[in-house]
Amino acid sequence: SEWMPFSSEQYNFLGNSTRLFFMNATMMKLPVAGFHCF
């Protein structure tokens, strides 16, 4: 696969063990959005 450039913003909270990861990438010049929720 070709490499997809991305930028991300992430929030971690220790007390309630939360991780929110937001990503904006580009695939074949089209925008791709990603979200990991823990």
PDB file of all heavy atoms in Angstrom:
ATOM      1  N   SER A   1       0.831  -1.210   0.000  1.00  0.00           N
ATOM      2  CA  SER A   1       0.000   0.000   0.000  1.00  0.00           C
ATOM      3  C   SER A   1       0.864   1.259   0.000  1.00  0.00           C
ATOM      4  O   SER A   1       1.979   1.269   0.525  1.00  0.00           O
ATOM      5  CB  SER A   1      -0.911   0.029   1.231  1.00  0.00           C
ATOM      6  OG  SER A   1      -1.745  -1.095   1.268  1.00  0.00           O
ATOM      7  N   GLU A   2       0.316   2.322  -0.570  1.00  0.00           N
ATOM      8  CA  GLU A   2       0.983   3.621  -0.482  1.00  0.00           C
ATOM      9  C   GLU A   2       0.792   4.195   0.914  1.00  0.00           C
ATOM     10  O   GLU A   2      -0.217   3.949   1.573  1.00  0.00           O
ATOM     11  CB  GLU A   2       0.394   4.578  -1.527  1.00  0.00           C
ATOM     12  CG  GLU A   2       0.718   4.211  -2.963  1.00  0.00           C
ATOM     13  CD  GLU A   2       0.253   5.274  -3.939  1.00  0.00           C
ATOM     14  OE1 GLU A   2      -0.210   6.341  -3.470  1.00  0.00           O
ATOM     15  OE2 GLU A   2       0.347   5.043  -5.156  1.00  0.00           O
ATOM     16  N   TRP A   3       1.767   4.968   1.340  1.00  0.00           N
ATOM     17  CA  TRP A   3       1.652   5.641   2.632  1.00  0.00           C
ATOM     18  C   TRP A   3       0.583   6.723   2.551  1.00  0.00           C
ATOM     19  O   TRP A   3       0.505   7.461   1.569  1.00  0.00           O
ATOM     20  CB  TRP A   3       2.980   6.272   3.020  1.00  0.00           C
ATOM     21  CG  TRP A   3       4.019   5.297   3.472  1.00  0.00           C
ATOM     22  CD1 TRP A   3       5.060   4.821   2.743  1.00  0.00           C
ATOM     23  CD2 TRP A   3       4.122   4.688   4.763  1.00  0.00           C
ATOM     24  NE1 TRP A   3       5.821   3.953   3.495  1.00  0.00           N
ATOM     25  CE2 TRP A   3       5.271   3.851   4.739  1.00  0.00           C
ATOM     26  CE3 TRP A   3       3.371   4.759   5.934  1.00  0.00           C
ATOM     27  CZ2 TRP A   3       5.670   3.098   5.850  1.00  0.00           C
ATOM     28  CZ3 TRP A   3       3.771   4.013   7.031  1.00  0.00           C
ATOM     29  CH2 TRP A   3       4.899   3.187   6.990  1.00  0.00           C
ATOM     30  N   MET A   4      -0.242   6.820   3.587  1.00  0.00           N
ATOM     31  CA  MET A   4      -1.255   7.867   3.684  1.00  0.00           C
ATOM     32  C   MET A   4      -0.819   8.877   4.744  1.00  0.00           C
ATOM     33  O   MET A   4      -0.653   8.514   5.916  1.00  0.00           O
ATOM     34  CB  MET A   4      -2.614   7.277   4.076  1.00  0.00           C
ATOM     35  CG  MET A   4      -3.216   6.325   3.085  1.00  0.00           C
ATOM     36  SD  MET A   4      -4.939   5.904   3.532  1.00  0.00           S
ATOM     37  CE  MET A   4      -4.718   5.125   5.131  1.00  0.00           C
ATOM     38  N   PRO A   5      -0.593  10.136   4.380  1.00  0.00           N
ATOM     39  CA  PRO A   5      -0.268  11.143   5.391  1.00  0.00           C
ATOM     40  C   PRO A   5      -1.467  11.402   6.304  1.00  0.00           C
ATOM     41  O   PRO A   5      -2.618  11.306   5.879  1.00  0.00           O
ATOM     42  CB  PRO A   5       0.069  12.379   4.556  1.00  0.00           C
ATOM     43  CG  PRO A   5      -0.638  12.170   3.262  1.00  0.00           C
ATOM     44  CD  PRO A   5      -0.660  10.698   3.018  1.00  0.00           C
ATOM     45  N   PHE A   6      -1.187  11.703   7.571  1.00  0.00           N
ATOM     46  CA  PHE A   6      -2.278  11.956   8.507  1.00  0.00           C
ATOM     47  C   PHE A   6      -1.848  12.977   9.558  1.00  0.00           C
ATOM     48  O   PHE A   6      -0.661  13.217   9.789  1.00  0.00           O
ATOM     49  CB  PHE A   6      -2.737  10.663   9.202  1.00  0.00           C
ATOM     50  CG  PHE A   6      -1.810  10.204  10.306  1.00  0.00           C
ATOM     51  CD1 PHE A   6      -1.951  10.683  11.602  1.00  0.00           C
ATOM     52  CD2 PHE A   6      -0.789   9.297  10.049  1.00  0.00           C
ATOM     53  CE1 PHE A   6      -1.092  10.275  12.617  1.00  0.00           C
ATOM     54  CE2 PHE A   6       0.079   8.885  11.048  1.00  0.00           C
ATOM     55  CZ  PHE A   6      -0.087   9.380  12.346  1.00  0.00           C
ATOM     56  N   SER A   7      -2.838  13.553  10.198  1.00  0.00           N
ATOM     57  CA  SER A   7      -2.643  14.325  11.419  1.00  0.00           C
ATOM     58  C   SER A   7      -3.655  13.802  12.426  1.00  0.00           C
ATOM     59  O   SER A   7      -4.727  13.310  12.051  1.00  0.00           O
ATOM     60  CB  SER A   7      -2.853  15.824  11.179  1.00  0.00           C
ATOM     61  OG  SER A   7      -4.166  16.080  10.731  1.00  0.00           O
ATOM     62  N   SER A   8      -3.313  13.884  13.709  1.00  0.00           N
ATOM     63  CA  SER A   8      -4.213  13.321  14.714  1.00  0.00           C
ATOM     64  C   SER A   8      -4.249  14.176  15.962  1.00  0.00           C
ATOM     65  O   SER A   8      -3.331  14.947  16.245  1.00  0.00           O
ATOM     66  CB  SER A   8      -3.786  11.896  15.078  1.00  0.00           C
ATOM     67  OG  SER A   8      -2.537  11.906  15.753  1.00  0.00           O
ATOM     68  N   GLU A   9      -5.338  14.020  16.681  1.00  0.00           N
ATOM     69  CA  GLU A   9      -5.520  14.659  17.976  1.00  0.00           C
ATOM     70  C   GLU A   9      -6.018  13.590  18.936  1.00  0.00           C
ATOM     71  O   GLU A   9      -6.913  12.820  18.595  1.00  0.00           O
ATOM     72  CB  GLU A   9      -6.523  15.811  17.872  1.00  0.00           C
ATOM     73  CG  GLU A   9      -6.564  16.692  19.096  1.00  0.00           C
ATOM     74  CD  GLU A   9      -7.261  18.027  18.799  1.00  0.00           C
ATOM     75  OE1 GLU A   9      -6.631  18.894  18.163  1.00  0.00           O
ATOM     76  OE2 GLU A   9      -8.439  18.168  19.182  1.00  0.00           O
ATOM     77  N   GLN A  10      -5.431  13.539  20.115  1.00  0.00           N
ATOM     78  CA  GLN A  10      -5.686  12.430  21.027  1.00  0.00           C
ATOM     79  C   GLN A  10      -5.856  12.940  22.450  1.00  0.00           C
ATOM     80  O   GLN A  10      -5.163  13.858  22.883  1.00  0.00           O
ATOM     81  CB  GLN A  10      -4.510  11.451  20.950  1.00  0.00           C
ATOM     82  CG  GLN A  10      -4.539  10.314  21.928  1.00  0.00           C
ATOM     83  CD  GLN A  10      -3.314   9.431  21.769  1.00  0.00           C
ATOM     84  OE1 GLN A  10      -2.764   9.291  20.682  1.00  0.00           O
ATOM     85  NE2 GLN A  10      -2.867   8.831  22.850  1.00  0.00           N
ATOM     86  N   TYR A  11      -6.771  12.305  23.190  1.00  0.00           N
ATOM     87  CA  TYR A  11      -7.043  12.676  24.578  1.00  0.00           C
ATOM     88  C   TYR A  11      -6.994  11.424  25.449  1.00  0.00           C
ATOM     89  O   TYR A  11      -7.681  10.441  25.167  1.00  0.00           O
ATOM     90  CB  TYR A  11      -8.417  13.327  24.703  1.00  0.00           C
ATOM     91  CG  TYR A  11      -8.630  14.498  23.780  1.00  0.00           C
ATOM     92  CD1 TYR A  11      -9.101  14.311  22.481  1.00  0.00           C
ATOM     93  CD2 TYR A  11      -8.351  15.800  24.197  1.00  0.00           C
ATOM     94  CE1 TYR A  11      -9.294  15.386  21.625  1.00  0.00           C
ATOM     95  CE2 TYR A  11      -8.538  16.881  23.347  1.00  0.00           C
ATOM     96  CZ  TYR A  11      -9.015  16.663  22.059  1.00  0.00           C
ATOM     97  OH  TYR A  11      -9.206  17.721  21.207  1.00  0.00           O
ATOM     98  N   ASN A  12      -6.173  11.466  26.491  1.00  0.00           N
ATOM     99  CA  ASN A  12      -6.080  10.357  27.438  1.00  0.00           C
ATOM    100  C   ASN A  12      -6.439  10.829  28.837  1.00  0.00           C
ATOM    101  O   ASN A  12      -5.959  11.873  29.282  1.00  0.00           O
ATOM    102  CB  ASN A  12      -4.660   9.784  27.465  1.00  0.00           C
ATOM    103  CG  ASN A  12      -4.305   8.984  26.234  1.00  0.00           C
ATOM    104  OD1 ASN A  12      -4.406   9.480  25.114  1.00  0.00           O
ATOM    105  ND2 ASN A  12      -3.873   7.751  26.427  1.00  0.00           N
ATOM    106  N   PHE A  13      -7.273  10.046  29.523  1.00  0.00           N
ATOM    107  CA  PHE A  13      -7.682  10.335  30.889  1.00  0.00           C
ATOM    108  C   PHE A  13      -7.323   9.124  31.750  1.00  0.00           C
ATOM    109  O   PHE A  13      -7.786   8.008  31.488  1.00  0.00           O
ATOM    110  CB  PHE A  13      -9.177  10.615  30.961  1.00  0.00           C
ATOM    111  CG  PHE A  13      -9.630  11.755  30.087  1.00  0.00           C
ATOM    112  CD1 PHE A  13      -9.967  11.539  28.761  1.00  0.00           C
ATOM    113  CD2 PHE A  13      -9.701  13.048  30.592  1.00  0.00           C
ATOM    114  CE1 PHE A  13     -10.377  12.580  27.945  1.00  0.00           C
ATOM    115  CE2 PHE A  13     -10.107  14.103  29.775  1.00  0.00           C
ATOM    116  CZ  PHE A  13     -10.444  13.870  28.453  1.00  0.00           C
ATOM    117  N   LEU A  14      -6.490   9.344  32.770  1.00  0.00           N
ATOM    118  CA  LEU A  14      -5.980   8.231  33.563  1.00  0.00           C
ATOM    119  C   LEU A  14      -7.006   7.654  34.521  1.00  0.00           C
ATOM    120  O   LEU A  14      -7.108   6.439  34.672  1.00  0.00           O
ATOM    121  CB  LEU A  14      -4.744   8.690  34.351  1.00  0.00           C
ATOM    122  CG  LEU A  14      -3.403   8.617  33.617  1.00  0.00           C
ATOM    123  CD1 LEU A  14      -3.059   7.180  33.284  1.00  0.00           C
ATOM    124  CD2 LEU A  14      -3.367   9.482  32.390  1.00  0.00           C
ATOM    125  N   GLY A  15      -7.775   8.501  35.177  1.00  0.00           N
ATOM    126  CA  GLY A  15      -8.678   8.031  36.228  1.00  0.00           C
ATOM    127  C   GLY A  15      -9.727   7.055  35.741  1.00  0.00           C
ATOM    128  O   GLY A  15      -9.951   6.003  36.359  1.00  0.00           O
ATOM    129  N   ASN A  16     -10.387   7.378  34.639  1.00  0.00           N
ATOM    130  CA  ASN A  16     -11.420   6.484  34.097  1.00  0.00           C
ATOM    131  C   ASN A  16     -10.939   5.731  32.859  1.00  0.00           C
ATOM    132  O   ASN A  16     -11.742   5.195  32.099  1.00  0.00           O
ATOM    133  CB  ASN A  16     -12.702   7.261  33.779  1.00  0.00           C
ATOM    134  CG  ASN A  16     -12.469   8.393  32.791  1.00  0.00           C
ATOM    135  OD1 ASN A  16     -11.346   8.597  32.317  1.00  0.00           O
ATOM    136  ND2 ASN A  16     -13.508   9.134  32.473  1.00  0.00           N
ATOM    137  N   SER A  17      -9.645   5.683  32.672  1.00  0.00           N
ATOM    138  CA  SER A  17      -9.008   4.896  31.596  1.00  0.00           C
ATOM    139  C   SER A  17      -9.678   5.119  30.244  1.00  0.00           C
ATOM    140  O   SER A  17     -10.272   4.215  29.654  1.00  0.00           O
ATOM    141  CB  SER A  17      -9.040   3.401  31.942  1.00  0.00           C
ATOM    142  OG  SER A  17      -8.431   3.162  33.180  1.00  0.00           O
ATOM    143  N   THR A  18      -9.568   6.352  29.752  1.00  0.00           N
ATOM    144  CA  THR A  18     -10.193   6.714  28.484  1.00  0.00           C
ATOM    145  C   THR A  18      -9.131   7.194  27.508  1.00  0.00           C
ATOM    146  O   THR A  18      -8.218   7.940  27.872  1.00  0.00           O
ATOM    147  CB  THR A  18     -11.240   7.825  28.698  1.00  0.00           C
ATOM    148  OG1 THR A  18     -12.278   7.324  29.550  1.00  0.00           O
ATOM    149  CG2 THR A  18     -11.854   8.263  27.376  1.00  0.00           C
ATOM    150  N   ARG A  19      -9.271   6.753  26.249  1.00  0.00           N
ATOM    151  CA  ARG A  19      -8.395   7.204  25.175  1.00  0.00           C
ATOM    152  C   ARG A  19      -9.246   7.484  23.945  1.00  0.00           C
ATOM    153  O   ARG A  19      -9.930   6.602  23.441  1.00  0.00           O
ATOM    154  CB  ARG A  19      -7.339   6.140  24.837  1.00  0.00           C
ATOM    155  CG  ARG A  19      -6.399   6.515  23.694  1.00  0.00           C
ATOM    156  CD  ARG A  19      -5.410   5.379  23.424  1.00  0.00           C
ATOM    157  NE  ARG A  19      -4.386   5.739  22.451  1.00  0.00           N
ATOM    158  CZ  ARG A  19      -4.493   5.530  21.133  1.00  0.00           C
ATOM    159  NH1 ARG A  19      -5.586   4.951  20.631  1.00  0.00           N
ATOM    160  NH2 ARG A  19      -3.525   5.877  20.326  1.00  0.00           N
ATOM    161  N   LEU A  20      -9.205   8.720  23.473  1.00  0.00           N
ATOM    162  CA  LEU A  20      -9.965   9.143  22.299  1.00  0.00           C
ATOM    163  C   LEU A  20      -8.980   9.627  21.254  1.00  0.00           C
ATOM    164  O   LEU A  20      -8.263  10.600  21.477  1.00  0.00           O
ATOM    165  CB  LEU A  20     -10.949  10.251  22.670  1.00  0.00           C
ATOM    166  CG  LEU A  20     -11.873   9.961  23.855  1.00  0.00           C
ATOM    167  CD1 LEU A  20     -12.694  11.198  24.213  1.00  0.00           C
ATOM    168  CD2 LEU A  20     -12.792   8.776  23.568  1.00  0.00           C
ATOM    169  N   PHE A  21      -8.944   8.933  20.115  1.00  0.00           N
ATOM    170  CA  PHE A  21      -7.952   9.221  19.082  1.00  0.00           C
ATOM    171  C   PHE A  21      -8.683   9.586  17.790  1.00  0.00           C
ATOM    172  O   PHE A  21      -9.422   8.777  17.229  1.00  0.00           O
ATOM    173  CB  PHE A  21      -7.070   7.984  18.864  1.00  0.00           C
ATOM    174  CG  PHE A  21      -6.029   8.131  17.790  1.00  0.00           C
ATOM    175  CD1 PHE A  21      -4.792   8.698  18.055  1.00  0.00           C
ATOM    176  CD2 PHE A  21      -6.287   7.688  16.497  1.00  0.00           C
ATOM    177  CE1 PHE A  21      -3.828   8.816  17.054  1.00  0.00           C
ATOM    178  CE2 PHE A  21      -5.327   7.805  15.486  1.00  0.00           C
ATOM    179  CZ  PHE A  21      -4.104   8.382  15.774  1.00  0.00           C
ATOM    180  N   PHE A  22      -8.468  10.819  17.330  1.00  0.00           N
ATOM    181  CA  PHE A  22      -9.100  11.312  16.112  1.00  0.00           C
ATOM    182  C   PHE A  22      -8.024  11.489  15.041  1.00  0.00           C
ATOM    183  O   PHE A  22      -7.005  12.123  15.294  1.00  0.00           O
ATOM    184  CB  PHE A  22      -9.788  12.652  16.359  1.00  0.00           C
ATOM    185  CG  PHE A  22     -10.832  12.617  17.428  1.00  0.00           C
ATOM    186  CD1 PHE A  22     -10.494  12.840  18.760  1.00  0.00           C
ATOM    187  CD2 PHE A  22     -12.157  12.363  17.117  1.00  0.00           C
ATOM    188  CE1 PHE A  22     -11.458  12.812  19.756  1.00  0.00           C
ATOM    189  CE2 PHE A  22     -13.126  12.338  18.102  1.00  0.00           C
ATOM    190  CZ  PHE A  22     -12.776  12.560  19.421  1.00  0.00           C
ATOM    191  N   MET A  23      -8.279  10.977  13.847  1.00  0.00           N
ATOM    192  CA  MET A  23      -7.284  11.040  12.784  1.00  0.00           C
ATOM    193  C   MET A  23      -7.908  11.535  11.490  1.00  0.00           C
ATOM    194  O   MET A  23      -9.015  11.135  11.132  1.00  0.00           O
ATOM    195  CB  MET A  23      -6.683   9.647  12.545  1.00  0.00           C
ATOM    196  CG  MET A  23      -5.655   9.595  11.422  1.00  0.00           C
ATOM    197  SD  MET A  23      -5.204   7.884  10.977  1.00  0.00           S
ATOM    198  CE  MET A  23      -6.698   7.369  10.102  1.00  0.00           C
ATOM    199  N   ASN A  24      -7.186  12.398  10.796  1.00  0.00           N
ATOM    200  CA  ASN A  24      -7.551  12.822   9.448  1.00  0.00           C
ATOM    201  C   ASN A  24      -6.419  12.434   8.514  1.00  0.00           C
ATOM    202  O   ASN A  24      -5.279  12.875   8.679  1.00  0.00           O
ATOM    203  CB  ASN A  24      -7.780  14.334   9.395  1.00  0.00           C
ATOM    204  CG  ASN A  24      -9.053  14.746  10.100  1.00  0.00           C
ATOM    205  OD1 ASN A  24     -10.120  14.217   9.811  1.00  0.00           O
ATOM    206  ND2 ASN A  24      -8.938  15.677  11.035  1.00  0.00           N
ATOM    207  N   ALA A  25      -6.732  11.580   7.527  1.00  0.00           N
ATOM    208  CA  ALA A  25      -5.727  11.096   6.586  1.00  0.00           C
ATOM    209  C   ALA A  25      -6.176  11.365   5.162  1.00  0.00           C
ATOM    210  O   ALA A  25      -7.305  11.820   4.915  1.00  0.00           O
ATOM    211  CB  ALA A  25      -5.490   9.595   6.794  1.00  0.00           C
ATOM    212  N   THR A  26      -5.277  11.087   4.223  1.00  0.00           N
ATOM    213  CA  THR A  26      -5.593  11.255   2.803  1.00  0.00           C
ATOM    214  C   THR A  26      -5.243   9.974   2.065  1.00  0.00           C
ATOM    215  O   THR A  26      -4.110   9.490   2.144  1.00  0.00           O
ATOM    216  CB  THR A  26      -4.804  12.427   2.198  1.00  0.00           C
ATOM    217  OG1 THR A  26      -5.087  13.620   2.939  1.00  0.00           O
ATOM    218  CG2 THR A  26      -5.199  12.640   0.744  1.00  0.00           C
ATOM    219  N   MET A  27      -6.221   9.411   1.352  1.00  0.00           N
ATOM    220  CA  MET A  27      -6.017   8.191   0.577  1.00  0.00           C
ATOM    221  C   MET A  27      -6.424   8.450  -0.861  1.00  0.00           C
ATOM    222  O   MET A  27      -7.578   8.765  -1.146  1.00  0.00           O
ATOM    223  CB  MET A  27      -6.851   7.038   1.159  1.00  0.00           C
ATOM    224  CG  MET A  27      -6.694   5.714   0.417  1.00  0.00           C
ATOM    225  SD  MET A  27      -7.563   4.331   1.223  1.00  0.00           S
ATOM    226  CE  MET A  27      -9.266   4.881   1.058  1.00  0.00           C
ATOM    227  N   MET A  28      -5.441   8.384  -1.787  1.00  0.00           N
ATOM    228  CA  MET A  28      -5.697   8.668  -3.194  1.00  0.00           C
ATOM    229  C   MET A  28      -6.396  10.014  -3.359  1.00  0.00           C
ATOM    230  O   MET A  28      -7.380  10.158  -4.066  1.00  0.00           O
ATOM    231  CB  MET A  28      -6.512   7.537  -3.833  1.00  0.00           C
ATOM    232  CG  MET A  28      -5.769   6.218  -3.899  1.00  0.00           C
ATOM    233  SD  MET A  28      -6.659   4.893  -4.766  1.00  0.00           S
ATOM    234  CE  MET A  28      -8.000   4.615  -3.614  1.00  0.00           C
ATOM    235  N   LYS A  29      -5.878  11.016  -2.622  1.00  0.00           N
ATOM    236  CA  LYS A  29      -6.337  12.400  -2.651  1.00  0.00           C
ATOM    237  C   LYS A  29      -7.738  12.584  -2.063  1.00  0.00           C
ATOM    238  O   LYS A  29      -8.322  13.660  -2.181  1.00  0.00           O
ATOM    239  CB  LYS A  29      -6.293  12.956  -4.076  1.00  0.00           C
ATOM    240  CG  LYS A  29      -4.895  12.985  -4.675  1.00  0.00           C
ATOM    241  CD  LYS A  29      -4.883  13.632  -6.055  1.00  0.00           C
ATOM    242  CE  LYS A  29      -3.486  13.675  -6.627  1.00  0.00           C
ATOM    243  NZ  LYS A  29      -3.436  14.316  -7.960  1.00  0.00           N
ATOM    244  N   LEU A  30      -8.273  11.532  -1.409  1.00  0.00           N
ATOM    245  CA  LEU A  30      -9.577  11.625  -0.767  1.00  0.00           C
ATOM    246  C   LEU A  30      -9.405  11.609   0.749  1.00  0.00           C
ATOM    247  O   LEU A  30      -8.567  10.881   1.273  1.00  0.00           O
ATOM    248  CB  LEU A  30     -10.478  10.463  -1.199  1.00  0.00           C
ATOM    249  CG  LEU A  30     -10.858  10.412  -2.674  1.00  0.00           C
ATOM    250  CD1 LEU A  30     -11.646   9.136  -2.969  1.00  0.00           C
ATOM    251  CD2 LEU A  30     -11.677  11.638  -3.062  1.00  0.00           C
ATOM    252  N   PRO A  31     -10.204  12.397   1.474  1.00  0.00           N
ATOM    253  CA  PRO A  31     -10.066  12.450   2.928  1.00  0.00           C
ATOM    254  C   PRO A  31     -10.634  11.206   3.610  1.00  0.00           C
ATOM    255  O   PRO A  31     -11.684  10.691   3.244  1.00  0.00           O
ATOM    256  CB  PRO A  31     -10.877  13.700   3.308  1.00  0.00           C
ATOM    257  CG  PRO A  31     -11.874  13.845   2.210  1.00  0.00           C
ATOM    258  CD  PRO A  31     -11.199  13.361   0.958  1.00  0.00           C
ATOM    259  N   VAL A  32      -9.890  10.736   4.600  1.00  0.00           N
ATOM    260  CA  VAL A  32     -10.308   9.585   5.408  1.00  0.00           C
ATOM    261  C   VAL A  32     -10.282  10.023   6.869  1.00  0.00           C
ATOM    262  O   VAL A  32      -9.280  10.585   7.340  1.00  0.00           O
ATOM    263  CB  VAL A  32      -9.378   8.382   5.202  1.00  0.00           C
ATOM    264  CG1 VAL A  32      -9.771   7.231   6.139  1.00  0.00           C
ATOM    265  CG2 VAL A  32      -9.404   7.918   3.754  1.00  0.00           C
ATOM    266  N   ALA A  33     -11.362   9.769   7.589  1.00  0.00           N
ATOM    267  CA  ALA A  33     -11.450  10.112   9.009  1.00  0.00           C
ATOM    268  C   ALA A  33     -11.438   8.840   9.841  1.00  0.00           C
ATOM    269  O   ALA A  33     -12.082   7.848   9.488  1.00  0.00           O
ATOM    270  CB  ALA A  33     -12.727  10.909   9.280  1.00  0.00           C
ATOM    271  N   GLY A  34     -10.689   8.849  10.929  1.00  0.00           N
ATOM    272  CA  GLY A  34     -10.622   7.694  11.802  1.00  0.00           C
ATOM    273  C   GLY A  34     -10.869   8.077  13.242  1.00  0.00           C
ATOM    274  O   GLY A  34     -10.509   9.171  13.676  1.00  0.00           O
ATOM    275  N   PHE A  35     -11.501   7.171  13.990  1.00  0.00           N
ATOM    276  CA  PHE A  35     -11.771   7.410  15.400  1.00  0.00           C
ATOM    277  C   PHE A  35     -11.575   6.110  16.164  1.00  0.00           C
ATOM    278  O   PHE A  35     -12.189   5.092  15.858  1.00  0.00           O
ATOM    279  CB  PHE A  35     -13.206   7.920  15.591  1.00  0.00           C
ATOM    280  CG  PHE A  35     -13.612   8.140  17.025  1.00  0.00           C
ATOM    281  CD1 PHE A  35     -12.744   8.744  17.927  1.00  0.00           C
ATOM    282  CD2 PHE A  35     -14.862   7.755  17.481  1.00  0.00           C
ATOM    283  CE1 PHE A  35     -13.114   8.953  19.244  1.00  0.00           C
ATOM    284  CE2 PHE A  35     -15.245   7.961  18.790  1.00  0.00           C
ATOM    285  CZ  PHE A  35     -14.371   8.567  19.684  1.00  0.00           C
ATOM    286  N   HIS A  36     -10.657   6.132  17.138  1.00  0.00           N
ATOM    287  CA  HIS A  36     -10.463   5.028  18.064  1.00  0.00           C
ATOM    288  C   HIS A  36     -10.994   5.481  19.419  1.00  0.00           C
ATOM    289  O   HIS A  36     -10.565   6.516  19.940  1.00  0.00           O
ATOM    290  CB  HIS A  36      -8.982   4.672  18.213  1.00  0.00           C
ATOM    291  CG  HIS A  36      -8.399   4.001  17.014  1.00  0.00           C
ATOM    292  ND1 HIS A  36      -7.786   2.775  17.074  1.00  0.00           N
ATOM    293  CD2 HIS A  36      -8.324   4.387  15.726  1.00  0.00           C
ATOM    294  CE1 HIS A  36      -7.360   2.428  15.871  1.00  0.00           C
ATOM    295  NE2 HIS A  36      -7.667   3.401  15.035  1.00  0.00           N
ATOM    296  N   CYS A  37     -11.892   4.697  20.002  1.00  0.00           N
ATOM    297  CA  CYS A  37     -12.492   5.049  21.292  1.00  0.00           C
ATOM    298  C   CYS A  37     -12.246   3.908  22.276  1.00  0.00           C
ATOM    299  O   CYS A  37     -12.628   2.764  22.013  1.00  0.00           O
ATOM    300  CB  CYS A  37     -13.989   5.300  21.125  1.00  0.00           C
ATOM    301  SG  CYS A  37     -14.843   5.670  22.673  1.00  0.00           S
ATOM    302  N   PHE A  38     -11.615   4.220  23.396  1.00  0.00           N
ATOM    303  CA  PHE A  38     -11.352   3.251  24.449  1.00  0.00           C
ATOM    304  C   PHE A  38     -11.864   3.838  25.759  1.00  0.00           C
ATOM    305  O   PHE A  38     -11.456   4.928  26.158  1.00  0.00           O
ATOM    306  CB  PHE A  38      -9.854   2.970  24.540  1.00  0.00           C
ATOM    307  CG  PHE A  38      -9.445   2.142  25.732  1.00  0.00           C
ATOM    308  CD1 PHE A  38      -9.570   0.767  25.721  1.00  0.00           C
ATOM    309  CD2 PHE A  38      -8.920   2.745  26.865  1.00  0.00           C
ATOM    310  CE1 PHE A  38      -9.190  -0.003  26.814  1.00  0.00           C
ATOM    311  CE2 PHE A  38      -8.522   1.994  27.965  1.00  0.00           C
ATOM    312  CZ  PHE A  38      -8.659   0.616  27.939  1.00  0.00           C
TER     313      PHE A  38
END
